[in-house]
Structures are given as structure tokens and as C-alpha cells.
N, C-alpha and C. Protein backbone atom coordinates (compact mmCIF):
# COMPACT_ATOMS: atom_id res chain seq x y z
N MET A 1 3.78 7.20 -6.35
CA MET A 1 4.98 7.24 -5.54
C MET A 1 5.97 8.27 -6.10
N LYS A 2 6.05 8.32 -7.41
CA LYS A 2 6.97 9.30 -8.03
C LYS A 2 6.54 10.72 -7.68
N ARG A 3 5.23 10.94 -7.70
CA ARG A 3 4.73 12.28 -7.39
C ARG A 3 5.08 12.66 -5.96
N LEU A 4 4.95 11.72 -5.05
CA LEU A 4 5.28 11.98 -3.65
C LEU A 4 6.77 12.32 -3.52
N ASP A 5 7.61 11.58 -4.21
CA ASP A 5 9.05 11.87 -4.20
C ASP A 5 9.33 13.28 -4.74
N CYS A 6 8.64 13.64 -5.81
CA CYS A 6 8.83 14.97 -6.39
C CYS A 6 8.41 16.07 -5.42
N LEU A 7 7.30 15.84 -4.73
CA LEU A 7 6.82 16.83 -3.75
C LEU A 7 7.84 17.02 -2.63
N VAL A 8 8.34 15.92 -2.11
CA VAL A 8 9.33 16.00 -1.03
C VAL A 8 10.58 16.74 -1.50
N GLU A 9 11.03 16.38 -2.68
CA GLU A 9 12.23 17.01 -3.25
C GLU A 9 12.03 18.51 -3.41
N SER A 10 10.88 18.91 -3.93
CA SER A 10 10.63 20.33 -4.15
C SER A 10 10.49 21.09 -2.83
N MET A 11 9.94 20.42 -1.82
CA MET A 11 9.80 21.07 -0.51
C MET A 11 11.16 21.22 0.16
N GLU A 12 12.03 20.24 -0.04
CA GLU A 12 13.35 20.30 0.58
C GLU A 12 14.27 21.31 -0.09
N SER A 13 13.95 21.71 -1.31
CA SER A 13 14.80 22.67 -2.01
C SER A 13 14.77 24.04 -1.34
N GLY A 14 13.66 24.35 -0.68
CA GLY A 14 13.56 25.61 0.04
C GLY A 14 13.28 26.82 -0.82
N SER A 15 12.98 26.63 -2.08
CA SER A 15 12.78 27.77 -2.97
C SER A 15 11.31 28.17 -3.12
N ALA A 16 10.39 27.35 -2.63
CA ALA A 16 8.96 27.63 -2.81
C ALA A 16 8.45 28.52 -1.67
N PRO A 17 7.49 29.40 -1.98
CA PRO A 17 6.88 30.21 -0.93
C PRO A 17 6.06 29.34 0.02
N LEU A 18 5.80 29.87 1.19
CA LEU A 18 5.10 29.13 2.24
C LEU A 18 3.75 28.60 1.77
N SER A 19 2.99 29.39 1.03
CA SER A 19 1.67 28.95 0.57
C SER A 19 1.78 27.71 -0.32
N GLU A 20 2.80 27.68 -1.17
CA GLU A 20 3.01 26.51 -2.03
C GLU A 20 3.45 25.30 -1.21
N LEU A 21 4.27 25.55 -0.20
CA LEU A 21 4.71 24.46 0.66
C LEU A 21 3.52 23.81 1.37
N VAL A 22 2.59 24.63 1.83
CA VAL A 22 1.40 24.10 2.50
C VAL A 22 0.58 23.28 1.53
N ASP A 23 0.40 23.78 0.31
CA ASP A 23 -0.35 23.04 -0.71
C ASP A 23 0.33 21.71 -1.03
N ARG A 24 1.64 21.73 -1.16
CA ARG A 24 2.38 20.51 -1.46
C ARG A 24 2.31 19.52 -0.30
N TYR A 25 2.36 20.06 0.91
CA TYR A 25 2.25 19.20 2.09
C TYR A 25 0.89 18.49 2.11
N GLU A 26 -0.17 19.24 1.84
CA GLU A 26 -1.52 18.65 1.81
C GLU A 26 -1.62 17.58 0.73
N GLU A 27 -1.10 17.87 -0.45
CA GLU A 27 -1.12 16.88 -1.53
C GLU A 27 -0.31 15.64 -1.14
N GLY A 28 0.84 15.87 -0.55
CA GLY A 28 1.68 14.75 -0.11
C GLY A 28 0.99 13.90 0.94
N ALA A 29 0.29 14.54 1.87
CA ALA A 29 -0.43 13.79 2.91
C ALA A 29 -1.51 12.91 2.29
N LYS A 30 -2.21 13.43 1.29
CA LYS A 30 -3.24 12.64 0.60
C LYS A 30 -2.62 11.46 -0.14
N LEU A 31 -1.51 11.72 -0.82
CA LEU A 31 -0.83 10.64 -1.55
C LEU A 31 -0.32 9.57 -0.59
N LEU A 32 0.22 9.99 0.54
CA LEU A 32 0.72 9.05 1.53
C LEU A 32 -0.42 8.18 2.07
N LYS A 33 -1.56 8.80 2.32
CA LYS A 33 -2.72 8.06 2.80
C LYS A 33 -3.14 7.01 1.78
N ASP A 34 -3.15 7.40 0.50
CA ASP A 34 -3.51 6.47 -0.57
C ASP A 34 -2.50 5.32 -0.65
N CYS A 35 -1.23 5.63 -0.54
CA CYS A 35 -0.19 4.59 -0.59
C CYS A 35 -0.36 3.60 0.55
N ARG A 36 -0.63 4.12 1.73
CA ARG A 36 -0.82 3.24 2.89
C ARG A 36 -2.04 2.33 2.72
N LYS A 37 -3.10 2.89 2.14
CA LYS A 37 -4.31 2.11 1.91
C LYS A 37 -4.03 0.99 0.90
N ARG A 38 -3.31 1.31 -0.16
CA ARG A 38 -2.97 0.30 -1.17
C ARG A 38 -2.08 -0.79 -0.57
N LEU A 39 -1.14 -0.38 0.27
CA LEU A 39 -0.26 -1.34 0.92
C LEU A 39 -1.06 -2.26 1.84
N GLU A 40 -1.99 -1.70 2.57
CA GLU A 40 -2.84 -2.50 3.47
C GLU A 40 -3.65 -3.52 2.68
N LEU A 41 -4.22 -3.11 1.55
CA LEU A 41 -4.99 -4.02 0.71
C LEU A 41 -4.10 -5.13 0.14
N ALA A 42 -2.90 -4.77 -0.26
CA ALA A 42 -1.97 -5.77 -0.78
C ALA A 42 -1.60 -6.78 0.31
N GLU A 43 -1.38 -6.30 1.53
CA GLU A 43 -1.05 -7.19 2.64
C GLU A 43 -2.20 -8.15 2.94
N LEU A 44 -3.44 -7.65 2.86
CA LEU A 44 -4.61 -8.50 3.08
C LEU A 44 -4.70 -9.59 2.01
N LYS A 45 -4.45 -9.22 0.76
CA LYS A 45 -4.48 -10.21 -0.32
C LYS A 45 -3.42 -11.27 -0.13
N ILE A 46 -2.23 -10.85 0.27
CA ILE A 46 -1.15 -11.81 0.52
C ILE A 46 -1.54 -12.76 1.64
N LYS A 47 -2.13 -12.22 2.69
CA LYS A 47 -2.56 -13.05 3.82
C LYS A 47 -3.61 -14.08 3.38
N GLU A 48 -4.55 -13.64 2.53
CA GLU A 48 -5.59 -14.55 2.03
C GLU A 48 -4.96 -15.69 1.22
N VAL A 49 -4.01 -15.35 0.37
CA VAL A 49 -3.34 -16.37 -0.45
C VAL A 49 -2.58 -17.34 0.44
N GLN A 50 -1.90 -16.83 1.44
CA GLN A 50 -1.15 -17.69 2.36
C GLN A 50 -2.09 -18.63 3.11
N GLU A 51 -3.25 -18.13 3.53
CA GLU A 51 -4.22 -18.97 4.24
C GLU A 51 -4.77 -20.05 3.33
N LYS A 52 -5.05 -19.70 2.07
CA LYS A 52 -5.54 -20.70 1.11
C LYS A 52 -4.49 -21.76 0.86
N ASP A 53 -3.24 -21.33 0.73
CA ASP A 53 -2.14 -22.28 0.53
C ASP A 53 -2.02 -23.22 1.73
N ALA A 54 -2.16 -22.69 2.92
CA ALA A 54 -2.06 -23.51 4.12
C ALA A 54 -3.20 -24.53 4.17
N GLN A 55 -4.39 -24.14 3.74
CA GLN A 55 -5.52 -25.06 3.71
C GLN A 55 -5.28 -26.17 2.69
N MET A 56 -4.73 -25.81 1.54
CA MET A 56 -4.47 -26.81 0.51
C MET A 56 -3.44 -27.82 0.98
N ILE A 57 -2.46 -27.37 1.71
CA ILE A 57 -1.43 -28.27 2.23
C ILE A 57 -2.01 -29.17 3.30
N ALA A 58 -2.91 -28.65 4.12
CA ALA A 58 -3.49 -29.41 5.22
C ALA A 58 -4.47 -30.47 4.73
N GLU A 59 -5.06 -30.28 3.55
CA GLU A 59 -6.02 -31.24 3.00
C GLU A 59 -5.33 -32.10 1.95
N PRO A 60 -5.08 -33.38 2.24
CA PRO A 60 -4.44 -34.26 1.26
C PRO A 60 -5.26 -34.35 -0.02
N MET A 61 -4.59 -34.41 -1.14
CA MET A 61 -5.28 -34.50 -2.43
C MET A 61 -5.87 -35.88 -2.60
N GLY A 62 -6.99 -35.94 -3.30
CA GLY A 62 -7.61 -37.21 -3.61
C GLY A 62 -8.59 -37.70 -2.56
N GLN A 63 -8.68 -37.02 -1.44
CA GLN A 63 -9.63 -37.43 -0.42
C GLN A 63 -10.94 -36.69 -0.63
N ASP A 64 -12.03 -37.42 -0.56
CA ASP A 64 -13.35 -36.83 -0.69
C ASP A 64 -13.89 -36.60 0.70
N THR A 65 -14.15 -35.36 1.06
CA THR A 65 -14.62 -35.04 2.40
C THR A 65 -16.10 -35.31 2.57
N ASN A 66 -16.81 -35.69 1.50
CA ASN A 66 -18.25 -35.96 1.58
C ASN A 66 -18.55 -37.38 1.99
N GLU A 67 -17.58 -38.26 2.10
CA GLU A 67 -17.83 -39.67 2.43
C GLU A 67 -18.09 -39.86 3.89
């Protein structure tokens, strides 16, 4: 995330030549894609935990479901 912030900051400064801006844009796009993928995975994990918690609440403790 820090690298992405640095890229944006350097691009906004306006001092880099066009070829460098294109390279930085490409790198930024890759970093953004990676960040989105990580966020999606984190959201899936949170959803799984929430579903497990909901199941635990729905099943009273001490009951044997095999009877």
C-alpha cells in the first residue's frame, strides 16, 4: 500500500517524463489488482467466520445430534 501511495504521489508531482509515468501507472495497476485480491480474500474469510459463529449460536451446547 505504501508503494502505491508513493507511485501516486510521484505521478502527481508532474516532474517525471511520460515514459516513467506509463511505467509507474502499470506498476500501480498491478499493485491495485493485488490489493483488491487480498481484500476479497479477507472478506471471504470474515464471511466464513461469521457463518461458523452463526452455526455455533444456532446449535445449543451439550446436545448430541447423533441420538
